[in-house]
Structures are given as structure tokens and as C-alpha cells.
């Protein structure tokens, strides 16, 4: 079952129902299409809805296209990162902003990428250190480890992995690569076990988790894309449109929270008895803070455990 599917439908469904009632069926963007699990549910549940699916992974687009073939007349797939919403809208013939009724951002690495050992996202198997979500472009995780300076490696691990021992790990990486460059994940996992103190290993989860997260974010430029994608997504929503963000780690959630915060506040000067025209909040939150999955959801899909979910509805156009 796709992660937090029921909750996503509860939050996005009202906007799609309203679109159906006004007669056009509505438009939904799945900004992180993956294997198309979420999209399939929405296409079946809302039979007049039009879907625009984005993914940077060409194989994901192929597999999702097969899965959703019966809905071909209502789907448009675009090979782009999730900050390419404007490009996707133009590709779908919707160049105007404020034309979308629902958007889903299911951030992080997809289940397909985690399950394919040769992509290098999982630290549980020895696999090539690639980690590119789009395997046709960009640097690999091995490139980062073999070419970055000590300071840059430490920065990546500290900033994107919140790794306390970033400097120590960076030193170990440089020592090892002098004799044997990194090519697969096994030696890196072994190095991390040796670099992180035993007391931390016993209480801080798998010692490779933070480093692998940091390398993946660096290789794919995930936070840079997200910082552009959130405002682009919000701007594309029509009044009454809704958006759901599912973040898998605190760095993603902070970006989402930062970009939502100014849009849910009034811009009228404090102390005025009435809201100035065009200065009221642009969005209202549909969740209180970042929602976490219930025990039942986690039991049904363990990958929902780390998810922080935020949702908002557009209530006014930007002045």
C-alpha cells in the first residue's frame, strides 16, 4: 500500500470533489510519481480527474505508465524534478498558474529505488555507490567520496545527514581512498562502523543511515529542488486547491514549513480592526504541525513511520 494513502485522500479529496461538482473533474499533480501507487488510487476514485505525474527517474515513468495505462486519456507524464512544475503544466497545456486542484509531494527515495539493490540507496547490501534518482545524469555517491575535499565531505555529512561525527568520517574516507577508491557500499558501511563510537552505534540506529541520506541528498540536489518546488507548487494551486507534503526527514520538513509559514499569515499591519484587501492569508493549514502516522498505518506499511505530513488549502489569490 502506498505511504499514508488514506490520509492523503482525506486531505486532497475535498478539492477534487469540488472540482467534479463544478463540472471539470479537476487537475492533480503527483510531483513524485514513483511507481504510481498514489496516482492509481486517485484516478480510480475520481474518474473525471486529470493527472500530471512528475518523476526524474526514467524507469519510474516507464513502470508507472504501464501501471496507469488504462487511464492514458487522463494522464500526462513529465520527466523532470519536482521543481519543474511550471514545465510540467506547460507540457500538459496548462501554462497558467492557479490551475491545479490537488498536489501530492511524497518526498525522499521511492520504494522502487530502495528495492533495486544496484541503485546503491540501501546500506543493507553491497552495491555500486550510485544513488542517482536519474541514472542518466550527474555525479554518483562514489564521485563524492572519491573527489570531494575533507571539508566538503564533512559539510555534506553534517548538513544533510546531521552526522555528529562528520569530521571523523571524512578523515577516514580520505585515508581509505588514497589506496582504494570507493566503488560499492560495503566498504563504506564497514568504514562507518569503525568511525562511529560503539556507544552511539548502540543507541543511534544504523550507523550508515545518516551518511547514506546525506550522500543521496547531495547527489540529487534534493533540498535545492525542494526549495524551488514548494513555492512553485503553492503558486500553481487554484483557490480551494489543496497540497499534501510527506517528508521523510527533518531537513525536508523544515523547507516545507519555512515556505508555508509566510503564506498562512496576514500581511495587514497589526492593530487594524479589519483585514486590508488582498493582505489576508493566502493559505490555511489543514494539519496541526507535522502529523505522524498512526500505529495502524505503520503496521500496514512500515515505511510510513518516519513521515511528517503537512497539508494546506489555498483560500485567496496572492495580491
C-alpha atoms as a PDB file:
ATOM      1  CA  UNK A   1       0.000   0.000   0.000  1.00  0.00           C
ATOM      2  CA  UNK A   2       1.342   3.487  -0.827  1.00  0.00           C
ATOM      3  CA  UNK A   3       2.524   5.503   2.166  1.00  0.00           C
ATOM      4  CA  UNK A   4      -0.283   7.302   4.062  1.00  0.00           C
ATOM      5  CA  UNK A   5      -2.676   6.838   1.164  1.00  0.00           C
ATOM      6  CA  UNK A   6      -5.854   7.098   3.217  1.00  0.00           C
ATOM      7  CA  UNK A   7      -4.812  10.334   4.878  1.00  0.00           C
ATOM      8  CA  UNK A   8      -3.707  11.835   1.563  1.00  0.00           C
ATOM      9  CA  UNK A   9      -7.145  11.089   0.128  1.00  0.00           C
ATOM     10  CA  UNK A  10      -8.900  12.598   3.165  1.00  0.00           C
ATOM     11  CA  UNK A  11      -6.957  15.822   2.681  1.00  0.00           C
ATOM     12  CA  UNK A  12      -6.901  16.147  -1.118  1.00  0.00           C
ATOM     13  CA  UNK A  13     -10.245  14.529  -1.891  1.00  0.00           C
ATOM     14  CA  UNK A  14     -12.477  17.511  -0.983  1.00  0.00           C
ATOM     15  CA  UNK A  15     -10.761  19.692  -3.576  1.00  0.00           C
ATOM     16  CA  UNK A  16     -11.251  17.053  -6.275  1.00  0.00           C
ATOM     17  CA  UNK A  17     -14.887  16.531  -5.282  1.00  0.00           C
ATOM     18  CA  UNK A  18     -15.462  20.285  -5.547  1.00  0.00           C
ATOM     19  CA  UNK A  19     -13.858  20.279  -8.993  1.00  0.00           C
ATOM     20  CA  UNK A  20     -16.137  17.460 -10.111  1.00  0.00           C
ATOM     21  CA  UNK A  21     -19.187  19.323  -8.824  1.00  0.00           C
ATOM     22  CA  UNK A  22     -18.301  22.409 -10.840  1.00  0.00           C
ATOM     23  CA  UNK A  23     -18.041  20.198 -13.923  1.00  0.00           C
ATOM     24  CA  UNK A  24     -14.390  19.974 -14.940  1.00  0.00           C
ATOM     25  CA  UNK A  25     -13.162  16.995 -12.894  1.00  0.00           C
ATOM     26  CA  UNK A  26     -10.105  18.808 -11.597  1.00  0.00           C
ATOM     27  CA  UNK A  27      -6.353  18.551 -12.087  1.00  0.00           C
ATOM     28  CA  UNK A  28      -3.962  16.766  -9.728  1.00  0.00           C
ATOM     29  CA  UNK A  29      -0.172  16.857  -9.773  1.00  0.00           C
ATOM     30  CA  UNK A  30       1.717  13.886  -8.374  1.00  0.00           C
ATOM     31  CA  UNK A  31       5.076  15.609  -8.039  1.00  0.00           C
ATOM     32  CA  UNK A  32       6.845  12.368  -7.100  1.00  0.00           C
ATOM     33  CA  UNK A  33       5.151   9.749  -9.268  1.00  0.00           C
ATOM     34  CA  UNK A  34       7.341   6.756  -8.433  1.00  0.00           C
ATOM     35  CA  UNK A  35       5.540   3.531  -9.303  1.00  0.00           C
ATOM     36  CA  UNK A  36       2.203   5.355  -9.478  1.00  0.00           C
ATOM     37  CA  UNK A  37       0.544   3.838  -6.407  1.00  0.00           C
ATOM     38  CA  UNK A  38      -0.916   7.069  -5.086  1.00  0.00           C
ATOM     39  CA  UNK A  39      -1.865   8.197  -8.584  1.00  0.00           C
ATOM     40  CA  UNK A  40      -3.694   4.958  -9.371  1.00  0.00           C
ATOM     41  CA  UNK A  41      -5.873   5.389  -6.293  1.00  0.00           C
ATOM     42  CA  UNK A  42      -6.818   8.968  -7.155  1.00  0.00           C
ATOM     43  CA  UNK A  43      -7.502   8.164 -10.813  1.00  0.00           C
ATOM     44  CA  UNK A  44      -9.836   5.317  -9.804  1.00  0.00           C
ATOM     45  CA  UNK A  45     -11.544   7.264  -7.033  1.00  0.00           C
ATOM     46  CA  UNK A  46     -12.085  10.464  -9.038  1.00  0.00           C
ATOM     47  CA  UNK A  47     -12.996   9.263 -12.557  1.00  0.00           C
ATOM     48  CA  UNK A  48     -13.081  12.730 -14.135  1.00  0.00           C
ATOM     49  CA  UNK A  49      -9.772  13.869 -12.687  1.00  0.00           C
ATOM     50  CA  UNK A  50      -6.777  14.667 -14.855  1.00  0.00           C
ATOM     51  CA  UNK A  51      -3.336  13.678 -13.554  1.00  0.00           C
ATOM     52  CA  UNK A  52       0.063  15.225 -14.242  1.00  0.00           C
ATOM     53  CA  UNK A  53       2.816  12.928 -12.965  1.00  0.00           C
ATOM     54  CA  UNK A  54       6.410  14.081 -12.486  1.00  0.00           C
ATOM     55  CA  UNK A  55       9.496  11.965 -11.886  1.00  0.00           C
ATOM     56  CA  UNK A  56      13.192  12.408 -12.527  1.00  0.00           C
ATOM     57  CA  UNK A  57      13.717   8.647 -12.852  1.00  0.00           C
ATOM     58  CA  UNK A  58      13.062   7.470 -16.439  1.00  0.00           C
ATOM     59  CA  UNK A  59      12.388   3.907 -15.288  1.00  0.00           C
ATOM     60  CA  UNK A  60       9.757   5.119 -12.831  1.00  0.00           C
ATOM     61  CA  UNK A  61       7.943   6.860 -15.667  1.00  0.00           C
ATOM     62  CA  UNK A  62       8.016   3.681 -17.760  1.00  0.00           C
ATOM     63  CA  UNK A  63       6.721   1.469 -14.939  1.00  0.00           C
ATOM     64  CA  UNK A  64       4.095   3.969 -13.800  1.00  0.00           C
ATOM     65  CA  UNK A  65       2.994   4.386 -17.407  1.00  0.00           C
ATOM     66  CA  UNK A  66       2.371   0.653 -17.661  1.00  0.00           C
ATOM     67  CA  UNK A  67       0.523   0.576 -14.366  1.00  0.00           C
ATOM     68  CA  UNK A  68      -1.691   3.501 -15.330  1.00  0.00           C
ATOM     69  CA  UNK A  69      -2.138   2.579 -18.994  1.00  0.00           C
ATOM     70  CA  UNK A  70      -5.924   2.270 -18.659  1.00  0.00           C
ATOM     71  CA  UNK A  71      -6.028   5.963 -17.690  1.00  0.00           C
ATOM     72  CA  UNK A  72      -3.891   7.137 -20.630  1.00  0.00           C
ATOM     73  CA  UNK A  73      -6.531   9.623 -21.776  1.00  0.00           C
ATOM     74  CA  UNK A  74      -6.384  11.370 -18.381  1.00  0.00           C
ATOM     75  CA  UNK A  75      -2.665  11.297 -17.629  1.00  0.00           C
ATOM     76  CA  UNK A  76       0.381  13.295 -18.630  1.00  0.00           C
ATOM     77  CA  UNK A  77       3.827  12.125 -17.521  1.00  0.00           C
ATOM     78  CA  UNK A  78       6.795  14.506 -17.451  1.00  0.00           C
ATOM     79  CA  UNK A  79      10.461  13.634 -16.963  1.00  0.00           C
ATOM     80  CA  UNK A  80      11.560  16.341 -14.540  1.00  0.00           C
ATOM     81  CA  UNK A  81      12.459  17.007 -10.942  1.00  0.00           C
ATOM     82  CA  UNK A  82       9.661  18.194  -8.704  1.00  0.00           C
ATOM     83  CA  UNK A  83      10.756  21.799  -9.064  1.00  0.00           C
ATOM     84  CA  UNK A  84       9.786  21.522 -12.733  1.00  0.00           C
ATOM     85  CA  UNK A  85       6.088  22.071 -12.051  1.00  0.00           C
ATOM     86  CA  UNK A  86       5.897  25.058 -14.396  1.00  0.00           C
ATOM     87  CA  UNK A  87       7.424  22.963 -17.200  1.00  0.00           C
ATOM     88  CA  UNK A  88       5.018  20.117 -16.444  1.00  0.00           C
ATOM     89  CA  UNK A  89       1.992  22.415 -16.532  1.00  0.00           C
ATOM     90  CA  UNK A  90       3.080  23.819 -19.884  1.00  0.00           C
ATOM     91  CA  UNK A  91       3.667  20.295 -21.202  1.00  0.00           C
ATOM     92  CA  UNK A  92       0.120  19.424 -20.162  1.00  0.00           C
ATOM     93  CA  UNK A  93      -1.298  22.535 -21.816  1.00  0.00           C
ATOM     94  CA  UNK A  94      -1.904  24.322 -18.515  1.00  0.00           C
ATOM     95  CA  UNK A  95       0.582  27.170 -18.695  1.00  0.00           C
ATOM     96  CA  UNK A  96      -1.452  29.369 -16.373  1.00  0.00           C
ATOM     97  CA  UNK A  97      -0.761  29.237 -12.665  1.00  0.00           C
ATOM     98  CA  UNK A  98      -3.637  28.785 -10.214  1.00  0.00           C
ATOM     99  CA  UNK A  99      -4.978  25.972 -12.400  1.00  0.00           C
ATOM    100  CA  UNK A 100      -4.372  22.927 -10.168  1.00  0.00           C
ATOM    101  CA  UNK A 101      -6.774  21.448  -7.608  1.00  0.00           C
ATOM    102  CA  UNK A 102      -4.552  18.976  -5.745  1.00  0.00           C
ATOM    103  CA  UNK A 103      -0.823  18.344  -5.381  1.00  0.00           C
ATOM    104  CA  UNK A 104       0.945  15.462  -3.658  1.00  0.00           C
ATOM    105  CA  UNK A 105       4.619  15.609  -2.719  1.00  0.00           C
ATOM    106  CA  UNK A 106       5.780  12.199  -1.434  1.00  0.00           C
ATOM    107  CA  UNK A 107       9.386  13.199  -0.863  1.00  0.00           C
ATOM    108  CA  UNK A 108      12.541  11.155  -0.400  1.00  0.00           C
ATOM    109  CA  UNK A 109      13.656   7.998  -2.152  1.00  0.00           C
ATOM    110  CA  UNK A 110      10.967   5.822  -3.755  1.00  0.00           C
ATOM    111  CA  UNK A 111      10.262   2.214  -2.823  1.00  0.00           C
ATOM    112  CA  UNK A 112      11.398   1.145  -6.292  1.00  0.00           C
ATOM    113  CA  UNK A 113      14.776   2.798  -5.806  1.00  0.00           C
ATOM    114  CA  UNK A 114      15.208   1.300  -2.341  1.00  0.00           C
ATOM    115  CA  UNK A 115      14.274  -2.166  -3.557  1.00  0.00           C
ATOM    116  CA  UNK A 116      16.646  -2.149  -6.541  1.00  0.00           C
ATOM    117  CA  UNK A 117      19.967  -3.140  -4.977  1.00  0.00           C
ATOM    118  CA  UNK A 118      22.101  -1.950  -7.883  1.00  0.00           C
ATOM    119  CA  UNK A 119      20.969   1.660  -7.401  1.00  0.00           C
ATOM    120  CA  UNK A 120      23.025   1.921  -4.184  1.00  0.00           C
ATOM    121  CA  UNK A 121      20.404   3.587  -1.985  1.00  0.00           C
ATOM    122  CA  UNK A 122      20.242   0.809   0.614  1.00  0.00           C
ATOM    123  CA  UNK A 123      23.083   0.163   3.037  1.00  0.00           C
ATOM    124  CA  UNK A 124      21.910  -3.388   3.794  1.00  0.00           C
ATOM    125  CA  UNK A 125      23.510  -4.825   0.627  1.00  0.00           C
ATOM    126  CA  UNK A 126      26.865  -4.285  -1.073  1.00  0.00           C
ATOM    127  CA  UNK A 127      26.007  -2.441  -4.271  1.00  0.00           C
ATOM    128  CA  UNK A 128      27.516   0.204  -6.576  1.00  0.00           C
ATOM    129  CA  UNK A 129      27.661   3.609  -4.887  1.00  0.00           C
ATOM    130  CA  UNK A 130      25.453   5.388  -7.400  1.00  0.00           C
ATOM    131  CA  UNK A 131      22.385   6.909  -5.623  1.00  0.00           C
ATOM    132  CA  UNK A 132      21.264   8.980  -8.620  1.00  0.00           C
ATOM    133  CA  UNK A 133      17.491   9.147  -8.903  1.00  0.00           C
ATOM    134  CA  UNK A 134      18.007   9.886 -12.589  1.00  0.00           C
ATOM    135  CA  UNK A 135      20.804   7.467 -13.503  1.00  0.00           C
ATOM    136  CA  UNK A 136      21.449   9.251 -16.805  1.00  0.00           C
ATOM    137  CA  UNK A 137      22.883  12.486 -15.408  1.00  0.00           C
ATOM    138  CA  UNK A 138      25.038  13.890 -12.633  1.00  0.00           C
ATOM    139  CA  UNK A 139      27.662  12.688 -10.225  1.00  0.00           C
ATOM    140  CA  UNK A 140      27.434   9.495  -8.189  1.00  0.00           C
ATOM    141  CA  UNK A 141      27.933   8.922  -4.472  1.00  0.00           C
ATOM    142  CA  UNK A 142      31.261   7.306  -5.329  1.00  0.00           C
ATOM    143  CA  UNK A 143      32.304  10.522  -7.090  1.00  0.00           C
ATOM    144  CA  UNK A 144      31.528  12.497  -3.948  1.00  0.00           C
ATOM    145  CA  UNK A 145      33.563  10.190  -1.730  1.00  0.00           C
ATOM    146  CA  UNK A 146      36.495   9.932  -4.149  1.00  0.00           C
ATOM    147  CA  UNK A 147      36.829  13.570  -5.232  1.00  0.00           C
ATOM    148  CA  UNK A 148      35.430  15.942  -2.588  1.00  0.00           C
ATOM    149  CA  UNK A 149      37.777  17.611  -0.141  1.00  0.00           C
ATOM    150  CA  UNK A 150      37.761  16.741   3.550  1.00  0.00           C
ATOM    151  CA  UNK A 151      35.866  19.933   4.314  1.00  0.00           C
ATOM    152  CA  UNK A 152      33.233  19.337   1.651  1.00  0.00           C
ATOM    153  CA  UNK A 153      32.629  15.735   2.706  1.00  0.00           C
ATOM    154  CA  UNK A 154      32.281  16.821   6.334  1.00  0.00           C
ATOM    155  CA  UNK A 155      29.907  19.612   5.291  1.00  0.00           C
ATOM    156  CA  UNK A 156      27.693  17.238   3.314  1.00  0.00           C
ATOM    157  CA  UNK A 157      27.510  14.707   6.158  1.00  0.00           C
ATOM    158  CA  UNK A 158      26.887  17.357   8.805  1.00  0.00           C
ATOM    159  CA  UNK A 159      24.388  19.464   6.862  1.00  0.00           C
ATOM    160  CA  UNK A 160      22.400  16.796   5.068  1.00  0.00           C
ATOM    161  CA  UNK A 161      22.837  13.889   7.464  1.00  0.00           C
ATOM    162  CA  UNK A 162      23.112  15.780  10.756  1.00  0.00           C
ATOM    163  CA  UNK A 163      26.006  13.444  11.463  1.00  0.00           C
ATOM    164  CA  UNK A 164      27.835  14.274  14.721  1.00  0.00           C
ATOM    165  CA  UNK A 165      30.994  12.510  13.590  1.00  0.00           C
ATOM    166  CA  UNK A 166      31.185  14.074  10.134  1.00  0.00           C
ATOM    167  CA  UNK A 167      34.790  15.218  10.504  1.00  0.00           C
ATOM    168  CA  UNK A 168      35.966  11.854  11.774  1.00  0.00           C
ATOM    169  CA  UNK A 169      34.201  10.045   8.923  1.00  0.00           C
ATOM    170  CA  UNK A 170      35.612  12.464   6.341  1.00  0.00           C
ATOM    171  CA  UNK A 171      39.143  11.796   7.616  1.00  0.00           C
ATOM    172  CA  UNK A 172      38.592   8.045   7.348  1.00  0.00           C
ATOM    173  CA  UNK A 173      37.225   8.422   3.812  1.00  0.00           C
ATOM    174  CA  UNK A 174      40.306  10.353   2.668  1.00  0.00           C
ATOM    175  CA  UNK A 175      42.685   7.808   4.222  1.00  0.00           C
ATOM    176  CA  UNK A 176      40.970   4.907   2.518  1.00  0.00           C
ATOM    177  CA  UNK A 177      40.624   6.450  -0.910  1.00  0.00           C
ATOM    178  CA  UNK A 178      44.384   7.107  -1.067  1.00  0.00           C
ATOM    179  CA  UNK A 179      44.859   3.383  -1.611  1.00  0.00           C
ATOM    180  CA  UNK A 180      41.439   2.079  -2.669  1.00  0.00           C
ATOM    181  CA  UNK A 181      38.774   4.310  -4.243  1.00  0.00           C
ATOM    182  CA  UNK A 182      35.167   3.736  -3.209  1.00  0.00           C
ATOM    183  CA  UNK A 183      33.071   1.813  -5.718  1.00  0.00           C
ATOM    184  CA  UNK A 184      30.492  -0.128  -3.675  1.00  0.00           C
ATOM    185  CA  UNK A 185      28.601   0.410  -0.441  1.00  0.00           C
ATOM    186  CA  UNK A 186      30.044  -2.482   1.571  1.00  0.00           C
ATOM    187  CA  UNK A 187      33.433  -0.883   2.334  1.00  0.00           C
ATOM    188  CA  UNK A 188      31.713   2.406   3.202  1.00  0.00           C
ATOM    189  CA  UNK A 189      29.401   0.708   5.697  1.00  0.00           C
ATOM    190  CA  UNK A 190      32.418  -1.038   7.239  1.00  0.00           C
ATOM    191  CA  UNK A 191      34.247   2.297   7.494  1.00  0.00           C
ATOM    192  CA  UNK A 192      31.253   3.878   9.228  1.00  0.00           C
ATOM    193  CA  UNK A 193      31.084   1.092  11.791  1.00  0.00           C
ATOM    194  CA  UNK A 194      34.751   1.724  12.568  1.00  0.00           C
ATOM    195  CA  UNK A 195      34.427   5.531  12.670  1.00  0.00           C
ATOM    196  CA  UNK A 196      31.349   5.870  14.884  1.00  0.00           C
ATOM    197  CA  UNK A 197      31.832   5.079  18.598  1.00  0.00           C
ATOM    198  CA  UNK A 198      30.237   1.874  19.866  1.00  0.00           C
ATOM    199  CA  UNK A 199      28.047   3.718  22.380  1.00  0.00           C
ATOM    200  CA  UNK A 200      26.481   5.760  19.571  1.00  0.00           C
ATOM    201  CA  UNK A 201      26.054   2.675  17.393  1.00  0.00           C
ATOM    202  CA  UNK A 202      24.035   1.021  20.164  1.00  0.00           C
ATOM    203  CA  UNK A 203      21.559   3.866  20.537  1.00  0.00           C
ATOM    204  CA  UNK A 204      21.542   5.909  17.334  1.00  0.00           C
ATOM    205  CA  UNK A 205      20.150   3.473  14.776  1.00  0.00           C
ATOM    206  CA  UNK A 206      22.176   2.021  11.936  1.00  0.00           C
ATOM    207  CA  UNK A 207      25.496   3.897  11.718  1.00  0.00           C
ATOM    208  CA  UNK A 208      25.210   4.189   7.925  1.00  0.00           C
ATOM    209  CA  UNK A 209      21.752   5.767   7.875  1.00  0.00           C
ATOM    210  CA  UNK A 210      22.790   9.405   8.222  1.00  0.00           C
ATOM    211  CA  UNK A 211      25.724   9.177   5.805  1.00  0.00           C
ATOM    212  CA  UNK A 212      23.673   7.444   3.112  1.00  0.00           C
ATOM    213  CA  UNK A 213      20.933  10.048   3.496  1.00  0.00           C
ATOM    214  CA  UNK A 214      23.476  12.861   3.180  1.00  0.00           C
ATOM    215  CA  UNK A 215      25.118  11.383   0.090  1.00  0.00           C
ATOM    216  CA  UNK A 216      21.740  10.825  -1.592  1.00  0.00           C
ATOM    217  CA  UNK A 217      20.656  14.418  -0.945  1.00  0.00           C
ATOM    218  CA  UNK A 218      23.968  15.777  -2.253  1.00  0.00           C
ATOM    219  CA  UNK A 219      23.996  13.616  -5.379  1.00  0.00           C
ATOM    220  CA  UNK A 220      20.420  14.528  -6.313  1.00  0.00           C
ATOM    221  CA  UNK A 221      20.379  18.138  -5.141  1.00  0.00           C
ATOM    222  CA  UNK A 222      17.169  17.283  -3.300  1.00  0.00           C
ATOM    223  CA  UNK A 223      16.921  20.244  -0.945  1.00  0.00           C
ATOM    224  CA  UNK A 224      17.774  22.751  -3.670  1.00  0.00           C
ATOM    225  CA  UNK A 225      14.989  21.260  -5.803  1.00  0.00           C
ATOM    226  CA  UNK A 226      12.570  21.249  -2.896  1.00  0.00           C
ATOM    227  CA  UNK A 227      13.227  24.900  -2.069  1.00  0.00           C
ATOM    228  CA  UNK A 228      12.114  25.759  -5.607  1.00  0.00           C
ATOM    229  CA  UNK A 229       9.340  23.163  -5.776  1.00  0.00           C
ATOM    230  CA  UNK A 230       7.359  24.251  -2.713  1.00  0.00           C
ATOM    231  CA  UNK A 231       6.649  27.825  -3.889  1.00  0.00           C
ATOM    232  CA  UNK A 232       6.068  26.623  -7.461  1.00  0.00           C
ATOM    233  CA  UNK A 233       3.537  24.080  -6.196  1.00  0.00           C
ATOM    234  CA  UNK A 234       1.760  26.582  -3.972  1.00  0.00           C
ATOM    235  CA  UNK A 235       1.575  29.130  -6.787  1.00  0.00           C
ATOM    236  CA  UNK A 236       0.025  26.573  -9.148  1.00  0.00           C
ATOM    237  CA  UNK A 237      -2.973  25.898  -6.884  1.00  0.00           C
ATOM    238  CA  UNK A 238      -6.351  27.417  -7.616  1.00  0.00           C
ATOM    239  CA  UNK A 239      -8.359  28.922  -4.758  1.00  0.00           C
ATOM    240  CA  UNK A 240      -9.810  25.915  -2.961  1.00  0.00           C
ATOM    241  CA  UNK A 241      -6.896  23.755  -4.137  1.00  0.00           C
ATOM    242  CA  UNK A 242      -5.041  21.612  -1.637  1.00  0.00           C
ATOM    243  CA  UNK A 243      -1.498  20.326  -1.222  1.00  0.00           C
ATOM    244  CA  UNK A 244      -0.030  17.477   0.840  1.00  0.00           C
ATOM    245  CA  UNK A 245       3.668  17.229   1.687  1.00  0.00           C
ATOM    246  CA  UNK A 246       5.065  13.968   3.062  1.00  0.00           C
ATOM    247  CA  UNK A 247       8.615  14.470   4.335  1.00  0.00           C
ATOM    248  CA  UNK A 248      10.827  11.623   5.494  1.00  0.00           C
ATOM    249  CA  UNK A 249      13.385  13.595   7.446  1.00  0.00           C
ATOM    250  CA  UNK A 250      13.584  16.856   9.321  1.00  0.00           C
ATOM    251  CA  UNK A 251      15.526  18.746   6.634  1.00  0.00           C
ATOM    252  CA  UNK A 252      12.714  18.304   4.101  1.00  0.00           C
ATOM    253  CA  UNK A 253      10.067  19.206   6.659  1.00  0.00           C
ATOM    254  CA  UNK A 254      11.900  22.414   7.590  1.00  0.00           C
ATOM    255  CA  UNK A 255      11.906  23.579   3.971  1.00  0.00           C
ATOM    256  CA  UNK A 256       8.171  22.900   3.672  1.00  0.00           C
ATOM    257  CA  UNK A 257       7.408  24.634   6.973  1.00  0.00           C
ATOM    258  CA  UNK A 258       9.557  27.666   6.088  1.00  0.00           C
ATOM    259  CA  UNK A 259       7.805  28.222   2.753  1.00  0.00           C
ATOM    260  CA  UNK A 260       4.305  27.689   4.139  1.00  0.00           C
ATOM    261  CA  UNK A 261       4.739  29.965   7.162  1.00  0.00           C
ATOM    262  CA  UNK A 262       4.523  33.389   5.443  1.00  0.00           C
ATOM    263  CA  UNK A 263       1.594  32.294   3.309  1.00  0.00           C
ATOM    264  CA  UNK A 264      -0.678  31.444   6.224  1.00  0.00           C
ATOM    265  CA  UNK A 265      -0.182  34.830   7.926  1.00  0.00           C
ATOM    266  CA  UNK A 266      -1.945  38.121   7.384  1.00  0.00           C
ATOM    267  CA  UNK A 267       0.155  40.900   5.870  1.00  0.00           C
ATOM    268  CA  UNK A 268      -2.045  43.666   7.251  1.00  0.00           C
ATOM    269  CA  UNK A 269      -0.354  45.898   9.859  1.00  0.00           C
ATOM    270  CA  UNK A 270      -1.071  44.758  13.397  1.00  0.00           C
ATOM    271  CA  UNK A 271      -3.797  46.579  15.280  1.00  0.00           C
ATOM    272  CA  UNK A 272      -6.108  47.295  12.368  1.00  0.00           C
ATOM    273  CA  UNK A 273      -9.768  46.451  13.066  1.00  0.00           C
ATOM    274  CA  UNK A 274     -10.246  44.922   9.598  1.00  0.00           C
ATOM    275  CA  UNK A 275      -8.141  42.968   7.123  1.00  0.00           C
ATOM    276  CA  UNK A 276      -6.807  45.144   4.309  1.00  0.00           C
ATOM    277  CA  UNK A 277      -7.972  43.997   0.844  1.00  0.00           C
ATOM    278  CA  UNK A 278      -5.560  41.498  -0.661  1.00  0.00           C
ATOM    279  CA  UNK A 279      -3.459  41.357   2.526  1.00  0.00           C
ATOM    280  CA  UNK A 280      -5.082  38.389   4.240  1.00  0.00           C
ATOM    281  CA  UNK A 281      -3.636  34.886   4.490  1.00  0.00           C
ATOM    282  CA  UNK A 282      -3.176  33.105   1.181  1.00  0.00           C
ATOM    283  CA  UNK A 283      -3.352  29.582   2.669  1.00  0.00           C
ATOM    284  CA  UNK A 284      -4.802  27.861   5.700  1.00  0.00           C
ATOM    285  CA  UNK A 285      -3.285  24.781   7.293  1.00  0.00           C
ATOM    286  CA  UNK A 286      -5.271  21.543   7.245  1.00  0.00           C
ATOM    287  CA  UNK A 287      -2.974  19.820   9.742  1.00  0.00           C
ATOM    288  CA  UNK A 288      -1.725  20.861  13.160  1.00  0.00           C
ATOM    289  CA  UNK A 289       2.001  20.888  12.744  1.00  0.00           C
ATOM    290  CA  UNK A 290       3.578  17.854  11.144  1.00  0.00           C
ATOM    291  CA  UNK A 291       1.330  14.824  11.506  1.00  0.00           C
ATOM    292  CA  UNK A 292       2.845  11.413  12.172  1.00  0.00           C
ATOM    293  CA  UNK A 293       1.460   8.062  11.083  1.00  0.00           C
ATOM    294  CA  UNK A 294      -0.742   6.065  13.443  1.00  0.00           C
ATOM    295  CA  UNK A 295       0.345   2.705  14.827  1.00  0.00           C
ATOM    296  CA  UNK A 296      -2.064   1.009  12.439  1.00  0.00           C
ATOM    297  CA  UNK A 297      -0.626   2.834   9.421  1.00  0.00           C
ATOM    298  CA  UNK A 298       2.897   1.870  10.452  1.00  0.00           C
ATOM    299  CA  UNK A 299       1.835  -1.748  10.895  1.00  0.00           C
ATOM    300  CA  UNK A 300       0.289  -1.762   7.415  1.00  0.00           C
ATOM    301  CA  UNK A 301       3.291  -0.011   5.849  1.00  0.00           C
ATOM    302  CA  UNK A 302       6.455   0.351   7.976  1.00  0.00           C
ATOM    303  CA  UNK A 303       7.818   2.954   5.536  1.00  0.00           C
ATOM    304  CA  UNK A 304       5.252   5.409   6.873  1.00  0.00           C
ATOM    305  CA  UNK A 305       6.963   5.526  10.291  1.00  0.00           C
ATOM    306  CA  UNK A 306       9.297   8.494   9.621  1.00  0.00           C
ATOM    307  CA  UNK A 307       6.784  10.511   7.573  1.00  0.00           C
ATOM    308  CA  UNK A 308       5.970  14.054   8.646  1.00  0.00           C
ATOM    309  CA  UNK A 309       2.809  15.174   6.846  1.00  0.00           C
ATOM    310  CA  UNK A 310       1.700  18.775   6.341  1.00  0.00           C
ATOM    311  CA  UNK A 311      -1.288  19.913   4.273  1.00  0.00           C
ATOM    312  CA  UNK A 312      -2.710  23.295   3.308  1.00  0.00           C
ATOM    313  CA  UNK A 313      -5.577  24.786   1.298  1.00  0.00           C
ATOM    314  CA  UNK A 314      -5.424  27.923  -0.807  1.00  0.00           C
ATOM    315  CA  UNK A 315      -8.072  30.395   0.395  1.00  0.00           C
ATOM    316  CA  UNK A 316      -7.087  33.529  -1.546  1.00  0.00           C
ATOM    317  CA  UNK A 317      -5.042  34.657  -4.509  1.00  0.00           C
ATOM    318  CA  UNK A 318      -1.803  36.477  -3.952  1.00  0.00           C
ATOM    319  CA  UNK A 319      -2.238  40.218  -4.248  1.00  0.00           C
END
